[in-house]
N, C-alpha and C. Protein backbone atom coordinates (compact mmCIF):
# COMPACT_ATOMS: atom_id res chain seq x y z
N MET A 1 105.58 80.72 86.72
CA MET A 1 104.61 80.98 87.77
C MET A 1 104.83 82.37 88.37
N GLY A 2 106.10 82.78 88.45
CA GLY A 2 106.39 84.12 88.96
C GLY A 2 105.80 85.20 88.10
N GLN A 3 105.82 85.00 86.79
CA GLN A 3 105.25 86.00 85.88
C GLN A 3 103.73 86.06 86.02
N VAL A 4 103.09 84.93 86.23
CA VAL A 4 101.64 84.91 86.44
C VAL A 4 101.30 85.65 87.73
N ASN A 5 102.07 85.39 88.78
CA ASN A 5 101.85 86.06 90.06
C ASN A 5 102.03 87.57 89.91
N GLN A 6 103.07 87.98 89.18
CA GLN A 6 103.30 89.41 89.00
C GLN A 6 102.17 90.05 88.19
N ALA A 7 101.68 89.35 87.18
CA ALA A 7 100.60 89.90 86.35
C ALA A 7 99.32 90.08 87.15
N LEU A 8 99.07 89.20 88.10
CA LEU A 8 97.83 89.26 88.86
C LEU A 8 97.90 90.17 90.07
N THR A 9 99.10 90.48 90.55
CA THR A 9 99.20 91.25 91.78
C THR A 9 99.93 92.57 91.63
N SER A 10 100.48 92.86 90.50
CA SER A 10 101.29 94.06 90.35
C SER A 10 100.50 95.16 89.66
N TYR A 11 101.23 96.08 89.07
CA TYR A 11 100.59 97.20 88.40
C TYR A 11 99.72 96.75 87.24
N GLY A 12 100.01 95.61 86.65
CA GLY A 12 99.17 95.10 85.57
C GLY A 12 97.73 94.92 86.02
N ALA A 13 97.54 94.41 87.22
CA ALA A 13 96.19 94.24 87.76
C ALA A 13 95.54 95.59 88.02
N VAL A 14 96.31 96.55 88.51
CA VAL A 14 95.76 97.88 88.79
C VAL A 14 95.40 98.58 87.49
N SER A 15 96.22 98.40 86.46
CA SER A 15 95.94 99.08 85.20
C SER A 15 94.71 98.50 84.50
N VAL A 16 94.47 97.21 84.67
CA VAL A 16 93.31 96.58 84.04
C VAL A 16 92.04 96.77 84.88
N TYR A 17 92.16 96.56 86.18
CA TYR A 17 91.00 96.58 87.06
C TYR A 17 90.91 97.83 87.93
N GLY A 18 91.63 98.90 87.56
CA GLY A 18 91.63 100.13 88.34
C GLY A 18 90.25 100.67 88.65
N PRO A 19 89.39 100.85 87.65
CA PRO A 19 88.05 101.38 87.96
C PRO A 19 87.27 100.49 88.92
N GLN A 20 87.38 99.18 88.76
CA GLN A 20 86.66 98.28 89.66
C GLN A 20 87.22 98.36 91.08
N ILE A 21 88.54 98.52 91.20
CA ILE A 21 89.15 98.63 92.53
C ILE A 21 88.64 99.88 93.23
N PHE A 22 88.62 101.00 92.50
CA PHE A 22 88.15 102.24 93.11
C PHE A 22 86.65 102.18 93.40
N GLU A 23 85.88 101.47 92.58
CA GLU A 23 84.46 101.29 92.88
C GLU A 23 84.27 100.45 94.13
N LEU A 24 85.12 99.46 94.33
CA LEU A 24 85.04 98.66 95.56
C LEU A 24 85.36 99.49 96.80
N LEU A 25 86.16 100.53 96.61
CA LEU A 25 86.45 101.44 97.73
C LEU A 25 85.27 102.34 98.03
N GLY A 26 84.31 102.45 97.09
CA GLY A 26 83.11 103.24 97.35
C GLY A 26 82.90 104.41 96.42
N PHE A 27 83.77 104.60 95.43
CA PHE A 27 83.62 105.72 94.51
C PHE A 27 82.61 105.40 93.42
N SER A 28 82.01 106.44 92.88
CA SER A 28 81.09 106.26 91.75
C SER A 28 81.91 105.85 90.52
N THR A 29 81.23 105.38 89.49
CA THR A 29 81.91 104.91 88.28
C THR A 29 82.74 106.02 87.65
N ARG A 30 82.17 107.20 87.53
CA ARG A 30 82.89 108.32 86.91
C ARG A 30 84.13 108.72 87.73
N ASN A 31 83.97 108.84 89.04
CA ASN A 31 85.11 109.19 89.89
C ASN A 31 86.17 108.09 89.87
N ALA A 32 85.74 106.83 89.81
CA ALA A 32 86.69 105.71 89.75
C ALA A 32 87.51 105.78 88.47
N GLU A 33 86.89 106.17 87.37
CA GLU A 33 87.63 106.29 86.11
C GLU A 33 88.62 107.46 86.16
N PHE A 34 88.22 108.57 86.77
CA PHE A 34 89.14 109.69 86.91
C PHE A 34 90.32 109.34 87.83
N LEU A 35 90.04 108.63 88.90
CA LEU A 35 91.11 108.21 89.80
C LEU A 35 92.07 107.24 89.11
N THR A 36 91.53 106.36 88.28
CA THR A 36 92.38 105.44 87.52
C THR A 36 93.27 106.21 86.56
N LEU A 37 92.73 107.23 85.91
CA LEU A 37 93.54 108.07 85.03
C LEU A 37 94.65 108.77 85.81
N GLY A 38 94.32 109.29 86.99
CA GLY A 38 95.33 109.91 87.84
C GLY A 38 96.40 108.91 88.26
N ASN A 39 95.98 107.68 88.49
CA ASN A 39 96.93 106.63 88.84
C ASN A 39 97.87 106.32 87.68
N TYR A 40 97.35 106.31 86.45
CA TYR A 40 98.19 106.11 85.26
C TYR A 40 99.24 107.22 85.17
N ILE A 41 98.81 108.44 85.36
CA ILE A 41 99.73 109.58 85.25
C ILE A 41 100.79 109.51 86.34
N SER A 42 100.38 109.20 87.56
CA SER A 42 101.33 109.06 88.67
C SER A 42 102.35 107.97 88.37
N HIS A 43 101.88 106.85 87.86
CA HIS A 43 102.79 105.75 87.52
C HIS A 43 103.78 106.18 86.44
N PHE A 44 103.31 106.85 85.41
CA PHE A 44 104.18 107.32 84.34
C PHE A 44 105.26 108.26 84.87
N LEU A 45 104.87 109.18 85.74
CA LEU A 45 105.84 110.13 86.30
C LEU A 45 106.89 109.41 87.16
N MET A 46 106.47 108.43 87.94
CA MET A 46 107.43 107.71 88.78
C MET A 46 108.35 106.82 87.95
N VAL A 47 107.84 106.24 86.87
CA VAL A 47 108.71 105.46 85.98
C VAL A 47 109.76 106.37 85.36
N THR A 48 109.34 107.56 84.95
CA THR A 48 110.28 108.54 84.39
C THR A 48 111.32 108.94 85.42
N PHE A 49 110.88 109.20 86.66
CA PHE A 49 111.80 109.56 87.73
C PHE A 49 112.79 108.43 87.98
N ALA A 50 112.31 107.19 88.02
CA ALA A 50 113.19 106.05 88.26
C ALA A 50 114.19 105.89 87.12
N TRP A 51 113.73 106.07 85.91
CA TRP A 51 114.59 105.95 84.74
C TRP A 51 115.72 106.97 84.79
N LEU A 52 115.41 108.17 85.25
CA LEU A 52 116.41 109.22 85.33
C LEU A 52 117.34 109.06 86.54
N SER A 53 116.88 108.41 87.59
CA SER A 53 117.67 108.34 88.82
C SER A 53 118.37 107.01 89.04
N ILE A 54 118.13 106.02 88.21
CA ILE A 54 118.69 104.70 88.48
C ILE A 54 120.21 104.68 88.44
N ASP A 55 120.81 105.46 87.55
CA ASP A 55 122.28 105.50 87.48
C ASP A 55 122.88 106.28 88.64
N VAL A 56 122.15 107.27 89.14
CA VAL A 56 122.65 108.10 90.23
C VAL A 56 122.54 107.37 91.56
N VAL A 57 121.37 106.81 91.85
CA VAL A 57 121.10 106.17 93.14
C VAL A 57 121.61 104.73 93.16
N GLY A 58 121.39 104.03 92.10
CA GLY A 58 121.77 102.62 92.03
C GLY A 58 120.55 101.71 92.07
N HIS A 59 120.65 100.66 91.28
CA HIS A 59 119.53 99.74 91.13
C HIS A 59 119.20 99.03 92.45
N HIS A 60 120.21 98.59 93.16
CA HIS A 60 119.96 97.81 94.38
C HIS A 60 119.28 98.65 95.47
N LYS A 61 119.69 99.87 95.63
CA LYS A 61 119.05 100.73 96.64
C LYS A 61 117.59 100.98 96.29
N LEU A 62 117.31 101.22 95.01
CA LEU A 62 115.92 101.43 94.60
C LEU A 62 115.08 100.18 94.84
N MET A 63 115.65 99.01 94.57
CA MET A 63 114.92 97.76 94.79
C MET A 63 114.64 97.52 96.27
N ILE A 64 115.61 97.78 97.11
CA ILE A 64 115.42 97.56 98.55
C ILE A 64 114.37 98.51 99.09
N TRP A 65 114.49 99.80 98.79
CA TRP A 65 113.51 100.77 99.29
C TRP A 65 112.13 100.54 98.69
N GLY A 66 112.09 100.10 97.43
CA GLY A 66 110.80 99.77 96.83
C GLY A 66 110.14 98.59 97.50
N SER A 67 110.92 97.58 97.86
CA SER A 67 110.38 96.41 98.55
C SER A 67 109.83 96.79 99.93
N ILE A 68 110.57 97.63 100.62
CA ILE A 68 110.10 98.09 101.94
C ILE A 68 108.81 98.90 101.79
N GLY A 69 108.76 99.77 100.79
CA GLY A 69 107.56 100.58 100.57
C GLY A 69 106.35 99.75 100.20
N LEU A 70 106.53 98.76 99.31
CA LEU A 70 105.41 97.92 98.92
C LEU A 70 104.94 97.05 100.08
N ALA A 71 105.86 96.54 100.87
CA ALA A 71 105.47 95.75 102.04
C ALA A 71 104.68 96.61 103.03
N SER A 72 105.09 97.86 103.19
CA SER A 72 104.36 98.77 104.08
C SER A 72 102.96 99.05 103.56
N CYS A 73 102.83 99.25 102.26
CA CYS A 73 101.51 99.48 101.67
C CYS A 73 100.61 98.26 101.85
N LEU A 74 101.18 97.08 101.65
CA LEU A 74 100.39 95.86 101.82
C LEU A 74 99.94 95.70 103.26
N ALA A 75 100.83 95.96 104.21
CA ALA A 75 100.46 95.87 105.62
C ALA A 75 99.39 96.90 105.98
N SER A 76 99.50 98.11 105.43
CA SER A 76 98.51 99.16 105.70
C SER A 76 97.16 98.80 105.12
N SER A 77 97.15 98.23 103.92
CA SER A 77 95.87 97.90 103.30
C SER A 77 95.18 96.77 104.03
N GLN A 78 95.93 95.84 104.59
CA GLN A 78 95.32 94.74 105.32
C GLN A 78 94.69 95.22 106.62
N SER A 79 95.33 96.16 107.29
CA SER A 79 94.77 96.63 108.56
C SER A 79 93.55 97.50 108.34
N SER A 80 93.50 98.24 107.22
CA SER A 80 92.33 99.09 106.96
C SER A 80 91.18 98.31 106.35
N ALA A 81 91.45 97.11 105.82
CA ALA A 81 90.38 96.32 105.21
C ALA A 81 89.46 95.71 106.25
N ASP A 82 89.89 95.61 107.49
CA ASP A 82 89.08 94.97 108.51
C ASP A 82 88.09 95.93 109.17
N ALA A 83 88.10 97.18 108.78
CA ALA A 83 87.22 98.17 109.41
C ALA A 83 85.80 98.02 108.88
N SER A 84 84.84 98.06 109.78
CA SER A 84 83.44 98.00 109.37
C SER A 84 82.65 98.98 110.22
N GLY A 85 81.56 99.48 109.65
CA GLY A 85 80.71 100.40 110.37
C GLY A 85 81.28 101.81 110.47
N ILE A 86 82.14 102.17 109.55
CA ILE A 86 82.72 103.51 109.55
C ILE A 86 82.29 104.23 108.28
N PRO A 87 82.35 105.55 108.25
CA PRO A 87 81.91 106.29 107.06
C PRO A 87 82.70 105.91 105.80
N ALA A 88 82.03 106.05 104.66
CA ALA A 88 82.66 105.66 103.39
C ALA A 88 83.93 106.45 103.11
N LEU A 89 83.93 107.73 103.45
CA LEU A 89 85.10 108.57 103.19
C LEU A 89 86.33 108.08 103.97
N ALA A 90 86.10 107.50 105.12
CA ALA A 90 87.20 106.99 105.93
C ALA A 90 87.84 105.75 105.31
N VAL A 91 87.16 105.13 104.35
CA VAL A 91 87.72 103.99 103.61
C VAL A 91 88.27 104.45 102.27
N GLU A 92 87.56 105.37 101.61
CA GLU A 92 87.95 105.81 100.27
C GLU A 92 89.30 106.51 100.25
N VAL A 93 89.50 107.44 101.16
CA VAL A 93 90.72 108.25 101.14
C VAL A 93 91.96 107.42 101.47
N PRO A 94 92.00 106.68 102.58
CA PRO A 94 93.21 105.89 102.84
C PRO A 94 93.44 104.80 101.80
N GLY A 95 92.35 104.17 101.34
CA GLY A 95 92.49 103.12 100.32
C GLY A 95 93.07 103.67 99.03
N SER A 96 92.60 104.83 98.61
CA SER A 96 93.13 105.46 97.40
C SER A 96 94.57 105.88 97.59
N ALA A 97 94.88 106.45 98.74
CA ALA A 97 96.26 106.89 99.00
C ALA A 97 97.22 105.70 98.98
N ILE A 98 96.82 104.60 99.60
CA ILE A 98 97.67 103.41 99.60
C ILE A 98 97.86 102.89 98.18
N LEU A 99 96.81 102.89 97.38
CA LEU A 99 96.92 102.41 96.00
C LEU A 99 97.81 103.32 95.17
N PHE A 100 97.68 104.63 95.33
CA PHE A 100 98.53 105.57 94.61
C PHE A 100 99.99 105.41 95.02
N ILE A 101 100.23 105.27 96.32
CA ILE A 101 101.61 105.13 96.81
C ILE A 101 102.22 103.82 96.31
N ALA A 102 101.46 102.73 96.38
CA ALA A 102 101.97 101.45 95.91
C ALA A 102 102.27 101.48 94.41
N THR A 103 101.39 102.12 93.65
CA THR A 103 101.61 102.21 92.22
C THR A 103 102.82 103.07 91.91
N ALA A 104 103.00 104.15 92.65
CA ALA A 104 104.17 105.01 92.46
C ALA A 104 105.45 104.27 92.81
N ILE A 105 105.43 103.51 93.88
CA ILE A 105 106.61 102.73 94.27
C ILE A 105 106.89 101.65 93.23
N PHE A 106 105.85 101.05 92.71
CA PHE A 106 106.04 99.99 91.71
C PHE A 106 106.65 100.56 90.44
N GLY A 107 106.48 101.85 90.20
CA GLY A 107 107.07 102.49 89.04
C GLY A 107 108.57 102.57 89.10
N ARG A 108 109.11 102.36 90.28
CA ARG A 108 110.57 102.33 90.42
C ARG A 108 111.04 100.94 90.05
N PRO A 109 112.20 100.81 89.47
CA PRO A 109 112.69 99.48 89.04
C PRO A 109 112.99 98.56 90.20
C-alpha cells in the first residue's frame, strides 16, 4: 500500500500528469509542456546533486531536511489553493514554484 501511495503522490504522479497539473494552474497546453520539461531537468539535476552529496552530508540528514521541505511545500500549496477571485498569474507563479521546489526536494534521497 505504501508503494501505491508513493506512486500516486510522489514524483511519479508529477512526471505522468505534469502537463495536466500545470494546465490546472492556468497555463496553456504548450507552456504546460515546457514547464513539465523544465521540471524534468530540475529533478535530474537534484538527483545528480543528491547522488554526489549523500556520502558527504549523510543519508539521514538529507532525509530529515527533505521531509521538512516537502511538508512545507504541502502546507504552502494547501493555503494557496483556497484563494479565489484573484488574477491567474497570482496562482500560476506560486503554484509552479511550489511544484518545482517539491520536485527538487524529492530528487534528494
